[in-house]
N, C-alpha and C. Protein backbone atom coordinates (compact mmCIF):
# COMPACT_ATOMS: atom_id res chain seq x y z
N MET A 1 -168.76 22.33 49.93
CA MET A 1 -168.17 22.10 48.62
C MET A 1 -166.71 22.57 48.65
N PRO A 2 -165.79 21.74 48.16
CA PRO A 2 -164.38 22.13 48.20
C PRO A 2 -164.08 23.31 47.29
N GLU A 3 -163.10 24.07 47.71
CA GLU A 3 -162.67 25.22 46.93
C GLU A 3 -161.88 24.74 45.70
N PRO A 4 -162.09 25.34 44.54
CA PRO A 4 -161.33 24.93 43.36
C PRO A 4 -159.84 25.26 43.53
N LEU A 5 -159.00 24.46 42.91
CA LEU A 5 -157.56 24.68 43.00
C LEU A 5 -157.16 25.90 42.18
N SER A 6 -156.21 26.64 42.72
CA SER A 6 -155.70 27.79 41.98
C SER A 6 -154.88 27.31 40.79
N LEU A 7 -154.72 28.17 39.83
CA LEU A 7 -153.92 27.83 38.66
C LEU A 7 -152.46 27.59 39.06
N THR A 8 -151.99 28.32 40.05
CA THR A 8 -150.62 28.15 40.54
C THR A 8 -150.42 26.76 41.11
N THR A 9 -151.39 26.28 41.89
CA THR A 9 -151.29 24.95 42.48
C THR A 9 -151.37 23.88 41.40
N ARG A 10 -152.29 24.05 40.46
CA ARG A 10 -152.39 23.08 39.36
C ARG A 10 -151.07 23.00 38.59
N ARG A 11 -150.47 24.14 38.29
CA ARG A 11 -149.21 24.17 37.55
C ARG A 11 -148.11 23.50 38.37
N ALA A 12 -148.08 23.72 39.68
CA ALA A 12 -147.07 23.09 40.54
C ALA A 12 -147.22 21.57 40.52
N ILE A 13 -148.46 21.08 40.53
CA ILE A 13 -148.72 19.64 40.49
C ILE A 13 -148.26 19.06 39.16
N ILE A 14 -148.61 19.73 38.08
CA ILE A 14 -148.26 19.24 36.75
C ILE A 14 -146.74 19.24 36.55
N ASP A 15 -146.07 20.27 37.04
CA ASP A 15 -144.63 20.41 36.85
C ASP A 15 -143.80 19.62 37.86
N PHE A 16 -144.43 19.10 38.90
CA PHE A 16 -143.69 18.39 39.95
C PHE A 16 -143.02 17.14 39.39
N ASP A 17 -141.72 17.00 39.68
CA ASP A 17 -140.96 15.83 39.24
C ASP A 17 -140.51 15.06 40.48
N PRO A 18 -141.20 13.97 40.81
CA PRO A 18 -140.85 13.23 42.02
C PRO A 18 -139.49 12.56 41.94
N ASN A 19 -138.93 12.45 40.75
CA ASN A 19 -137.63 11.80 40.59
C ASN A 19 -136.45 12.77 40.69
N ALA A 20 -136.73 14.06 40.74
CA ALA A 20 -135.66 15.04 40.87
C ALA A 20 -135.04 14.94 42.26
N SER A 21 -133.74 15.11 42.33
CA SER A 21 -133.03 14.93 43.60
C SER A 21 -133.44 15.95 44.66
N ASP A 22 -133.88 17.14 44.25
CA ASP A 22 -134.24 18.17 45.23
C ASP A 22 -135.75 18.24 45.50
N SER A 23 -136.53 17.31 44.96
CA SER A 23 -137.98 17.30 45.18
C SER A 23 -138.31 16.74 46.56
N PRO A 24 -139.29 17.36 47.23
CA PRO A 24 -139.73 16.80 48.51
C PRO A 24 -140.58 15.56 48.25
N PRO A 25 -140.80 14.74 49.28
CA PRO A 25 -141.73 13.63 49.12
C PRO A 25 -143.12 14.16 48.74
N ILE A 26 -143.89 13.36 48.04
CA ILE A 26 -145.21 13.79 47.59
C ILE A 26 -146.10 14.21 48.76
N THR A 27 -146.01 13.48 49.87
CA THR A 27 -146.82 13.83 51.05
C THR A 27 -146.51 15.24 51.53
N GLU A 28 -145.24 15.61 51.58
CA GLU A 28 -144.86 16.96 52.00
C GLU A 28 -145.32 18.00 50.98
N PHE A 29 -145.19 17.69 49.71
CA PHE A 29 -145.65 18.59 48.65
C PHE A 29 -147.14 18.87 48.83
N CYS A 30 -147.92 17.82 49.04
CA CYS A 30 -149.37 17.96 49.19
C CYS A 30 -149.70 18.77 50.44
N ARG A 31 -149.02 18.50 51.54
CA ARG A 31 -149.26 19.23 52.78
C ARG A 31 -148.98 20.72 52.57
N HIS A 32 -147.89 21.03 51.89
CA HIS A 32 -147.51 22.43 51.64
C HIS A 32 -148.58 23.15 50.81
N HIS A 33 -149.17 22.45 49.85
CA HIS A 33 -150.17 23.07 48.97
C HIS A 33 -151.61 22.89 49.48
N GLY A 34 -151.78 22.19 50.59
CA GLY A 34 -153.11 22.04 51.18
C GLY A 34 -154.04 21.14 50.37
N ILE A 35 -153.48 20.10 49.77
CA ILE A 35 -154.28 19.16 48.98
C ILE A 35 -154.04 17.75 49.48
N THR A 36 -154.90 16.83 49.07
CA THR A 36 -154.71 15.42 49.42
C THR A 36 -153.90 14.74 48.33
N ARG A 37 -153.34 13.59 48.68
CA ARG A 37 -152.61 12.81 47.68
C ARG A 37 -153.56 12.37 46.57
N THR A 38 -154.81 12.09 46.92
CA THR A 38 -155.81 11.70 45.92
C THR A 38 -156.00 12.82 44.89
N THR A 39 -156.11 14.05 45.37
CA THR A 39 -156.24 15.19 44.47
C THR A 39 -154.99 15.34 43.61
N PHE A 40 -153.83 15.19 44.23
CA PHE A 40 -152.56 15.29 43.51
C PHE A 40 -152.55 14.33 42.32
N TYR A 41 -152.87 13.06 42.60
CA TYR A 41 -152.82 12.05 41.53
C TYR A 41 -153.94 12.25 40.51
N ALA A 42 -155.09 12.75 40.93
CA ALA A 42 -156.18 13.01 39.98
C ALA A 42 -155.79 14.11 39.00
N ILE A 43 -155.17 15.17 39.51
CA ILE A 43 -154.73 16.25 38.63
C ILE A 43 -153.62 15.76 37.70
N ARG A 44 -152.67 15.01 38.23
CA ARG A 44 -151.58 14.47 37.40
C ARG A 44 -152.15 13.59 36.28
N LYS A 45 -153.12 12.76 36.62
CA LYS A 45 -153.72 11.87 35.63
C LYS A 45 -154.45 12.67 34.55
N ARG A 46 -155.19 13.69 34.97
CA ARG A 46 -155.97 14.49 34.04
C ARG A 46 -155.08 15.21 33.03
N TYR A 47 -153.92 15.68 33.48
CA TYR A 47 -153.06 16.48 32.61
C TYR A 47 -151.87 15.72 32.06
N LYS A 48 -151.83 14.42 32.30
CA LYS A 48 -150.70 13.63 31.81
C LYS A 48 -150.71 13.63 30.28
N THR A 49 -149.55 13.85 29.70
CA THR A 49 -149.47 13.91 28.23
C THR A 49 -148.85 12.65 27.67
């Protein structure tokens, strides 16, 4: 069973702005946080306002 995401990681995903000039590519962001792109987009979708 996968480990639940930390609140810090969730907050980083929610706050991530892929359009910012200093943002890394999403693939690098996911690799750094140890998550898949699928997880990244699922969290973004869940918390999208």
